[in-house]
């Protein structure tokens, strides 16, 4: 009898799993992607996020993301997939790093960098070593892997120093608490910079702290010799700004929250960054000395003295195209909806430089870019959301979006025509002006 009951339970479980898979086969197409980079196949791969890509000199897309059963679980790992036919088909994901033999030392939140001229690919990521002074997937050293054969095989690199600041734990044995979500940029003067958020460490190196106590600031990694160093084990890195404090925005009177910077270079050589905050709005800052010092973060507005740009506690995508357009993908959340803010739909605002004014970039009205109509996929483990922790890549005047649907499906889409069609439209709700005193 017991064996019959066990068989019945197993059969029901298999049927339910098949039903979810069949539903998912239809759901992943709802944003009209060109292809699926990866669709979940079981229970340990249902959370997929932080999708970043490079295009190699051989014409191969190499895409890196973080995979887990559920965000923050000990099976979280950094994976890579390749496409040799410009996104039509994709290789099965290869695990670059994750826990081994159940030791719980997860790897997470990787971002790639393609070295111009050599084709070498680096992937930088956070590697947990057993500590947890915020959350396990945020507490870890910065390590990297590298590939010299178009992303087919990968070698171990070294550990990159993340510097120390006011938010660092007092113990010299403490691992940093951080997250970086976008690939480095190369400036016109040859600097290679990537933004990251540093989290304020909790008092204990192994207990973590609740989300309500988290504080963050924004800093930058400058890879000083990555363009010229042939030995991949001898990278030098500097942490900016040159201050014990990073960029900060008030979360409450006593707490700060400034996170997940999206970075570009303007045509006059200044760096311009947009910042995730917990104010309900996007913020920005800029630097005239390649990240050594920065302006005080301020609310990002459509125009100088204009309306603030909505964005809840969620990441944004910022890209300056070869033609000089500045693309901002963000969310509109008039009311505070949930701890992390509502991340569906996602909107596009197209900007232009206004270099002589206080805010050196101004934007046209935001247009609806993509939505999943607030419906979570059947395999999903998070709230319904679209293109959070995703990235744009430009090649030969085409723009490619590498994105996730509800941190579940990993998808690919040429969005060039969509962006061109949306330019000039106006469907943004009216909202109050920025504080004119700031100008």
Protein backbone atom coordinates (compact mmCIF):
# COMPACT_ATOMS: atom_id res chain seq x y z
CA UNK A 1 0.00 0.00 0.00
CA UNK A 2 2.78 2.40 0.90
CA UNK A 3 4.54 1.79 -2.39
CA UNK A 4 1.29 2.46 -4.29
CA UNK A 5 0.75 5.70 -2.34
CA UNK A 6 4.31 6.80 -2.99
CA UNK A 7 3.93 6.05 -6.69
CA UNK A 8 0.69 8.06 -6.78
CA UNK A 9 2.34 11.08 -5.12
CA UNK A 10 5.26 10.84 -7.53
CA UNK A 11 2.92 10.65 -10.52
CA UNK A 12 0.96 13.70 -9.35
CA UNK A 13 4.19 15.64 -8.79
CA UNK A 14 5.43 14.78 -12.28
CA UNK A 15 2.11 15.79 -13.85
CA UNK A 16 2.09 19.10 -11.99
CA UNK A 17 5.66 19.77 -13.08
CA UNK A 18 4.76 19.00 -16.70
CA UNK A 19 1.74 21.29 -16.46
CA UNK A 20 3.94 24.16 -15.22
CA UNK A 21 6.45 23.52 -18.00
CA UNK A 22 3.72 23.58 -20.65
CA UNK A 23 2.33 26.82 -19.28
CA UNK A 24 5.82 28.28 -19.19
CA UNK A 25 6.42 27.35 -22.83
CA UNK A 26 3.75 29.88 -23.74
CA UNK A 27 4.40 32.48 -21.04
CA UNK A 28 8.02 33.22 -21.95
CA UNK A 29 6.90 34.59 -25.33
CA UNK A 30 4.63 37.28 -23.87
CA UNK A 31 7.18 40.12 -24.39
CA UNK A 32 7.85 39.00 -27.97
CA UNK A 33 11.55 38.16 -27.58
CA UNK A 34 13.62 37.06 -30.56
CA UNK A 35 14.83 34.02 -28.64
CA UNK A 36 15.09 32.43 -25.23
CA UNK A 37 18.61 32.35 -23.87
CA UNK A 38 17.46 30.07 -21.06
CA UNK A 39 14.19 28.69 -19.69
CA UNK A 40 14.01 26.94 -16.29
CA UNK A 41 14.06 23.15 -16.45
CA UNK A 42 13.67 22.13 -12.82
CA UNK A 43 13.57 23.38 -9.25
CA UNK A 44 17.12 24.70 -8.85
CA UNK A 45 17.13 27.10 -11.82
CA UNK A 46 13.92 29.12 -11.44
CA UNK A 47 15.56 32.41 -10.44
CA UNK A 48 17.63 34.06 -13.20
CA UNK A 49 18.80 37.66 -13.08
CA UNK A 50 21.67 40.12 -13.67
CA UNK A 51 21.85 39.43 -17.39
CA UNK A 52 24.95 41.03 -18.97
CA UNK A 53 26.52 40.39 -22.37
CA UNK A 54 29.56 41.08 -24.53
CA UNK A 55 30.06 40.57 -28.26
CA UNK A 56 33.44 39.04 -29.11
CA UNK A 57 35.63 39.83 -32.15
CA UNK A 58 34.50 36.49 -33.61
CA UNK A 59 30.87 37.61 -33.52
CA UNK A 60 29.85 35.54 -30.49
CA UNK A 61 27.43 36.81 -27.88
CA UNK A 62 28.65 35.75 -24.43
CA UNK A 63 25.99 36.23 -21.77
CA UNK A 64 26.53 36.04 -18.01
CA UNK A 65 23.85 35.85 -15.34
CA UNK A 66 23.09 34.60 -11.82
CA UNK A 67 21.01 31.43 -11.43
CA UNK A 68 19.42 29.92 -8.30
CA UNK A 69 16.37 28.07 -7.06
CA UNK A 70 15.33 31.22 -5.18
CA UNK A 71 17.23 34.51 -4.87
CA UNK A 72 19.83 34.36 -2.12
CA UNK A 73 19.72 30.58 -1.66
CA UNK A 74 22.97 28.69 -1.21
CA UNK A 75 22.72 27.19 -4.71
CA UNK A 76 23.12 30.63 -6.31
CA UNK A 77 25.80 30.52 -9.00
CA UNK A 78 27.26 32.49 -11.90
CA UNK A 79 26.64 30.96 -15.33
CA UNK A 80 27.55 31.76 -18.94
CA UNK A 81 25.95 30.97 -22.31
CA UNK A 82 27.12 31.63 -25.88
CA UNK A 83 25.47 32.28 -29.21
CA UNK A 84 27.45 31.98 -32.45
CA UNK A 85 24.50 32.93 -34.69
CA UNK A 86 23.70 36.41 -33.31
CA UNK A 87 21.13 35.30 -30.80
CA UNK A 88 19.10 32.70 -32.67
CA UNK A 89 20.35 29.75 -30.59
CA UNK A 90 22.19 29.49 -27.29
CA UNK A 91 24.46 26.98 -25.61
CA UNK A 92 23.49 25.24 -22.40
CA UNK A 93 24.68 27.39 -19.46
CA UNK A 94 28.11 26.59 -18.04
CA UNK A 95 28.61 27.20 -14.32
CA UNK A 96 31.58 29.52 -13.77
CA UNK A 97 31.42 29.37 -9.98
CA UNK A 98 29.04 28.26 -7.23
CA UNK A 99 28.96 26.06 -4.18
CA UNK A 100 30.87 22.78 -4.40
CA UNK A 101 29.75 19.54 -2.76
CA UNK A 102 27.08 21.39 -0.81
CA UNK A 103 29.55 23.65 1.00
CA UNK A 104 27.21 26.64 0.63
CA UNK A 105 29.90 29.00 -0.67
CA UNK A 106 27.77 30.56 -3.37
CA UNK A 107 28.92 32.80 -6.22
CA UNK A 108 26.75 35.60 -7.45
CA UNK A 109 26.12 38.75 -9.50
CA UNK A 110 28.73 38.49 -12.25
CA UNK A 111 29.49 41.10 -14.89
CA UNK A 112 31.70 40.57 -17.98
CA UNK A 113 34.30 42.78 -19.64
CA UNK A 114 35.74 42.25 -23.11
CA UNK A 115 39.28 43.57 -23.47
CA UNK A 116 39.52 45.56 -26.72
CA UNK A 117 42.24 44.34 -29.04
CA UNK A 118 42.86 40.97 -27.38
CA UNK A 119 39.35 39.52 -27.13
CA UNK A 120 40.01 38.29 -23.60
CA UNK A 121 36.82 38.09 -21.53
CA UNK A 122 36.82 38.68 -17.79
CA UNK A 123 33.85 37.90 -15.54
CA UNK A 124 33.94 39.58 -12.12
CA UNK A 125 31.62 38.36 -9.37
CA UNK A 126 31.07 38.10 -5.62
CA UNK A 127 32.29 34.88 -3.99
CA UNK A 128 31.11 34.00 -0.50
CA UNK A 129 33.82 32.53 1.75
CA UNK A 130 31.61 31.63 4.70
CA UNK A 131 30.96 35.06 6.17
CA UNK A 132 27.60 36.81 6.27
CA UNK A 133 27.47 40.30 7.76
CA UNK A 134 24.54 41.46 5.58
CA UNK A 135 23.27 38.54 3.46
CA UNK A 136 25.28 35.62 2.10
CA UNK A 137 24.95 36.61 -1.55
CA UNK A 138 26.06 40.18 -0.78
CA UNK A 139 28.95 39.27 1.54
CA UNK A 140 31.93 38.05 -0.45
CA UNK A 141 35.25 38.86 -2.07
CA UNK A 142 35.45 40.02 -5.68
CA UNK A 143 36.91 37.27 -7.83
CA UNK A 144 37.13 36.79 -11.56
CA UNK A 145 37.41 34.16 -14.27
CA UNK A 146 38.84 34.81 -17.71
CA UNK A 147 38.66 33.24 -21.16
CA UNK A 148 41.06 33.57 -24.09
CA UNK A 149 39.13 31.30 -26.46
CA UNK A 150 35.88 33.18 -27.13
CA UNK A 151 34.21 32.07 -23.90
CA UNK A 152 34.53 28.33 -24.47
CA UNK A 153 36.83 27.56 -21.54
CA UNK A 154 37.48 29.59 -18.39
CA UNK A 155 40.45 29.92 -16.07
CA UNK A 156 40.66 31.04 -12.45
CA UNK A 157 41.80 34.58 -11.82
CA UNK A 158 42.58 36.31 -8.53
CA UNK A 159 40.78 38.29 -5.82
CA UNK A 160 40.22 42.01 -6.44
CA UNK A 161 40.46 44.42 -3.51
CA UNK A 162 37.23 46.34 -2.85
CA UNK A 163 38.75 48.97 -0.57
CA UNK A 164 37.46 50.05 2.81
CA UNK A 165 35.21 52.89 3.90
CA UNK A 166 32.92 54.03 6.66
CA UNK A 167 30.44 51.24 5.89
CA UNK A 168 33.08 48.49 6.10
CA UNK A 169 33.25 46.16 9.10
CA UNK A 170 35.95 47.13 11.61
CA UNK A 171 37.60 43.70 11.52
CA UNK A 172 40.52 43.42 9.07
CA UNK A 173 39.35 39.82 8.46
CA UNK A 174 35.94 40.95 7.20
CA UNK A 175 34.89 40.33 3.60
CA UNK A 176 33.30 43.27 1.77
CA UNK A 177 29.54 43.63 1.32
CA UNK A 178 28.74 44.73 -2.20
CA UNK A 179 26.90 44.23 -5.46
CA UNK A 180 27.82 45.27 -9.01
CA UNK A 181 25.25 44.83 -11.77
CA UNK A 182 26.69 46.38 -14.97
CA UNK A 183 29.80 45.80 -17.06
CA UNK A 184 32.62 48.37 -16.93
CA UNK A 185 32.75 51.22 -19.42
CA UNK A 186 35.88 52.43 -21.23
CA UNK A 187 36.16 56.21 -21.25
CA UNK A 188 37.59 58.35 -24.04
CA UNK A 189 40.75 58.75 -21.93
CA UNK A 190 41.18 55.01 -21.52
CA UNK A 191 39.87 54.58 -17.98
CA UNK A 192 37.91 51.39 -17.28
CA UNK A 193 35.26 51.92 -14.60
CA UNK A 194 32.45 49.88 -13.06
CA UNK A 195 30.01 51.10 -10.43
CA UNK A 196 29.06 49.06 -7.40
CA UNK A 197 27.11 49.48 -4.17
CA UNK A 198 28.78 48.99 -0.82
CA UNK A 199 26.51 47.77 1.98
CA UNK A 200 26.94 48.79 5.61
CA UNK A 201 28.18 45.73 7.48
CA UNK A 202 26.27 44.34 10.42
CA UNK A 203 28.03 43.83 13.76
CA UNK A 204 28.52 40.06 13.40
CA UNK A 205 30.52 38.50 10.58
CA UNK A 206 28.27 35.44 10.40
CA UNK A 207 24.69 36.38 11.35
CA UNK A 208 23.53 38.83 8.69
CA UNK A 209 21.02 41.61 9.32
CA UNK A 210 17.34 42.10 8.33
CA UNK A 211 16.51 44.10 5.21
CA UNK A 212 15.01 46.90 7.31
CA UNK A 213 18.53 47.67 8.58
CA UNK A 214 20.33 47.71 5.23
CA UNK A 215 22.16 50.85 4.17
CA UNK A 216 24.09 51.33 0.93
CA UNK A 217 26.35 53.79 -0.86
CA UNK A 218 27.76 53.87 -4.40
CA UNK A 219 31.45 53.51 -5.26
CA UNK A 220 33.43 52.68 -8.40
CA UNK A 221 36.12 50.19 -9.39
CA UNK A 222 38.78 51.55 -11.73
CA UNK A 223 40.67 48.74 -13.47
CA UNK A 224 43.99 50.52 -13.82
CA UNK A 225 45.88 48.17 -16.17
CA UNK A 226 43.25 45.82 -17.61
CA UNK A 227 43.70 47.19 -21.15
CA UNK A 228 47.46 46.69 -21.22
CA UNK A 229 48.23 43.85 -18.80
CA UNK A 230 48.84 40.60 -20.67
CA UNK A 231 49.13 38.53 -17.49
CA UNK A 232 45.53 38.07 -16.29
CA UNK A 233 46.74 37.47 -12.73
CA UNK A 234 48.28 40.93 -12.32
CA UNK A 235 45.31 43.27 -12.49
CA UNK A 236 45.48 46.48 -10.46
CA UNK A 237 42.30 48.11 -9.18
CA UNK A 238 41.57 51.45 -7.49
CA UNK A 239 38.36 52.15 -5.57
CA UNK A 240 36.76 55.58 -6.06
CA UNK A 241 35.80 58.19 -4.98
CA UNK A 242 38.92 59.21 -3.10
CA UNK A 243 37.02 59.41 0.16
CA UNK A 244 35.91 57.06 2.96
CA UNK A 245 32.35 57.79 1.81
CA UNK A 246 30.69 56.89 -1.45
CA UNK A 247 27.69 58.58 -3.03
CA UNK A 248 24.77 58.62 -0.60
CA UNK A 249 21.08 59.52 -0.66
CA UNK A 250 18.96 59.67 2.46
CA UNK A 251 16.59 56.77 3.07
CA UNK A 252 15.41 58.19 6.40
CA UNK A 253 16.81 60.94 8.60
CA UNK A 254 19.29 58.45 10.03
CA UNK A 255 19.81 55.99 7.15
CA UNK A 256 21.18 56.07 3.58
CA UNK A 257 20.21 54.12 0.48
CA UNK A 258 21.96 54.72 -2.84
CA UNK A 259 22.42 51.66 -4.99
CA UNK A 260 23.08 49.97 -8.35
CA UNK A 261 24.66 52.77 -10.40
CA UNK A 262 24.22 52.91 -14.18
CA UNK A 263 27.17 54.76 -15.69
CA UNK A 264 27.93 56.52 -18.99
CA UNK A 265 30.43 59.07 -20.31
CA UNK A 266 29.17 62.35 -21.77
CA UNK A 267 30.69 63.95 -24.85
CA UNK A 268 32.67 66.46 -22.74
CA UNK A 269 34.38 63.62 -20.83
CA UNK A 270 32.32 63.86 -17.66
CA UNK A 271 30.97 60.70 -16.09
CA UNK A 272 27.21 60.66 -15.52
CA UNK A 273 25.51 58.14 -13.26
CA UNK A 274 21.89 57.42 -12.37
CA UNK A 275 21.16 55.91 -8.98
CA UNK A 276 18.55 53.66 -7.43
CA UNK A 277 17.16 55.21 -4.24
CA UNK A 278 14.30 54.70 -1.81
CA UNK A 279 12.79 58.15 -2.37
CA UNK A 280 10.46 57.09 -5.22
CA UNK A 281 12.66 58.92 -7.76
CA UNK A 282 15.80 58.43 -9.79
CA UNK A 283 18.85 60.43 -8.69
CA UNK A 284 21.97 61.42 -10.60
CA UNK A 285 25.51 62.67 -10.07
CA UNK A 286 28.43 63.53 -12.35
CA UNK A 287 32.22 63.65 -12.15
CA UNK A 288 34.71 65.76 -14.08
CA UNK A 289 37.81 63.88 -12.92
CA UNK A 290 36.96 60.30 -13.94
CA UNK A 291 35.36 59.33 -10.67
CA UNK A 292 37.77 60.75 -8.09
CA UNK A 293 35.16 63.25 -6.90
CA UNK A 294 31.44 63.58 -7.60
CA UNK A 295 28.67 66.12 -7.33
CA UNK A 296 26.15 65.64 -4.54
CA UNK A 297 23.43 63.25 -5.82
CA UNK A 298 20.26 65.11 -6.80
CA UNK A 299 16.81 64.15 -8.14
CA UNK A 300 16.88 63.37 -11.87
CA UNK A 301 14.39 65.53 -13.78
CA UNK A 302 13.07 65.46 -17.32
CA UNK A 303 14.43 69.00 -17.79
CA UNK A 304 16.27 71.47 -15.66
CA UNK A 305 13.62 72.82 -13.24
CA UNK A 306 11.25 70.20 -14.68
CA UNK A 307 9.40 67.20 -13.27
CA UNK A 308 11.24 64.52 -11.37
CA UNK A 309 11.60 61.13 -13.01
CA UNK A 310 9.81 58.43 -11.12
CA UNK A 311 11.67 55.30 -10.18
CA UNK A 312 10.92 53.06 -7.21
CA UNK A 313 13.53 51.08 -5.28
CA UNK A 314 14.60 49.28 -8.46
CA UNK A 315 17.55 49.19 -10.91
CA UNK A 316 17.59 51.28 -14.10
CA UNK A 317 19.35 50.84 -17.44
CA UNK A 318 21.31 53.78 -18.90
CA UNK A 319 23.03 53.69 -22.30
CA UNK A 320 24.62 56.39 -24.49
CA UNK A 321 24.52 55.25 -28.09
CA UNK A 322 27.15 55.85 -30.75
CA UNK A 323 24.79 58.44 -32.27
CA UNK A 324 24.65 60.36 -28.98
CA UNK A 325 21.19 59.33 -27.78
CA UNK A 326 20.92 58.67 -24.07
CA UNK A 327 18.47 55.90 -23.24
CA UNK A 328 17.00 55.50 -19.76
CA UNK A 329 14.87 52.47 -18.91
CA UNK A 330 13.06 52.98 -15.62
CA UNK A 331 9.85 52.24 -13.72
CA UNK A 332 6.97 54.53 -12.80
CA UNK A 333 5.58 53.96 -9.34
CA UNK A 334 3.46 56.83 -8.09
CA UNK A 335 2.65 55.07 -4.85
CA UNK A 336 4.96 52.99 -2.70
CA UNK A 337 4.03 49.48 -3.80
CA UNK A 338 6.01 46.83 -1.97
CA UNK A 339 9.39 46.71 -0.31
CA UNK A 340 11.34 46.87 -3.55
CA UNK A 341 8.92 48.93 -5.61
CA UNK A 342 6.79 47.83 -8.54
CA UNK A 343 8.92 46.76 -11.53
CA UNK A 344 6.28 46.42 -14.22
CA UNK A 345 5.80 48.08 -16.68
CA UNK A 346 9.20 49.43 -17.70
CA UNK A 347 9.39 52.80 -19.48
CA UNK A 348 11.84 54.38 -21.92
CA UNK A 349 12.95 58.01 -21.77
CA UNK A 350 15.28 59.30 -24.50
CA UNK A 351 17.72 62.00 -23.41
CA UNK A 352 19.99 64.61 -24.94
CA UNK A 353 22.99 66.41 -23.53
CA UNK A 354 22.56 69.87 -21.98
CA UNK A 355 26.17 70.24 -20.95
CA UNK A 356 26.01 73.88 -19.93
CA UNK A 357 23.22 73.39 -17.41
CA UNK A 358 23.24 72.04 -13.87
CA UNK A 359 21.69 68.73 -14.96
CA UNK A 360 23.79 67.89 -18.03
CA UNK A 361 21.21 65.52 -19.56
CA UNK A 362 17.53 66.24 -20.23
CA UNK A 363 14.89 63.71 -21.26
CA UNK A 364 11.78 63.52 -23.39
CA UNK A 365 8.64 62.04 -21.94
CA UNK A 366 8.70 58.42 -20.83
CA UNK A 367 6.97 55.89 -23.06
CA UNK A 368 5.70 52.44 -22.20
CA UNK A 369 8.45 50.06 -23.32
CA UNK A 370 7.45 46.61 -22.09
CA UNK A 371 5.02 45.00 -19.66
CA UNK A 372 4.00 41.60 -18.32
CA UNK A 373 0.69 42.99 -17.00
CA UNK A 374 1.63 42.17 -13.41
CA UNK A 375 1.35 38.41 -14.03
CA UNK A 376 3.97 36.11 -12.54
CA UNK A 377 5.06 33.16 -14.72
CA UNK A 378 4.10 29.69 -13.48
CA UNK A 379 7.73 28.80 -12.70
CA UNK A 380 8.46 32.15 -11.08
CA UNK A 381 9.80 32.63 -7.57
CA UNK A 382 9.58 36.45 -7.40
CA UNK A 383 6.96 39.10 -8.06
CA UNK A 384 5.99 39.88 -11.65
CA UNK A 385 8.56 42.24 -13.14
CA UNK A 386 10.20 42.92 -16.46
CA UNK A 387 13.80 43.66 -17.46
CA UNK A 388 15.03 44.27 -13.92
CA UNK A 389 18.75 43.53 -13.78
CA UNK A 390 19.10 43.49 -17.56
CA UNK A 391 21.36 45.23 -20.07
CA UNK A 392 21.59 46.87 -23.50
CA UNK A 393 24.39 46.20 -25.96
CA UNK A 394 24.97 48.21 -29.15
CA UNK A 395 26.60 46.84 -32.30
CA UNK A 396 26.58 48.30 -35.81
CA UNK A 397 23.70 50.69 -35.01
CA UNK A 398 21.55 47.90 -33.57
CA UNK A 399 20.51 47.73 -29.92
CA UNK A 400 20.11 44.36 -28.24
CA UNK A 401 18.34 43.81 -24.94
CA UNK A 402 19.47 40.91 -22.76
CA UNK A 403 16.79 40.64 -20.12
CA UNK A 404 14.87 38.56 -17.66
CA UNK A 405 11.12 38.19 -17.32
CA UNK A 406 10.26 38.15 -13.62
CA UNK A 407 13.76 36.90 -12.77
CA UNK A 408 12.71 33.63 -14.37
CA UNK A 409 13.19 33.49 -18.16
CA UNK A 410 16.43 34.80 -19.73
CA UNK A 411 15.58 36.41 -23.06
CA UNK A 412 17.09 38.21 -26.05
CA UNK A 413 15.57 40.87 -28.27
CA UNK A 414 16.69 43.35 -30.93
CA UNK A 415 14.93 46.51 -29.70
CA UNK A 416 16.28 49.00 -32.24
CA UNK A 417 13.00 49.41 -34.10
CA UNK A 418 10.97 49.52 -30.88
CA UNK A 419 13.09 52.37 -29.51
CA UNK A 420 12.90 54.35 -32.75
CA UNK A 421 9.13 53.94 -32.86
CA UNK A 422 8.65 55.13 -29.28
CA UNK A 423 10.71 58.30 -29.58
CA UNK A 424 8.62 61.43 -29.30
CA UNK A 425 5.57 59.80 -27.74
CA UNK A 426 4.20 61.22 -24.50
CA UNK A 427 2.22 59.14 -22.04
CA UNK A 428 3.70 60.14 -18.68
CA UNK A 429 1.32 61.15 -15.83
CA UNK A 430 1.73 64.72 -14.60
CA UNK A 431 3.82 65.13 -11.48
CA UNK A 432 5.20 67.91 -9.33
CA UNK A 433 8.29 69.90 -10.22
CA UNK A 434 11.76 69.46 -8.85
CA UNK A 435 12.80 71.81 -6.09
CA UNK A 436 13.68 74.97 -8.05
CA UNK A 437 16.11 75.98 -5.31
CA UNK A 438 18.37 73.14 -6.47
CA UNK A 439 18.98 75.09 -9.69
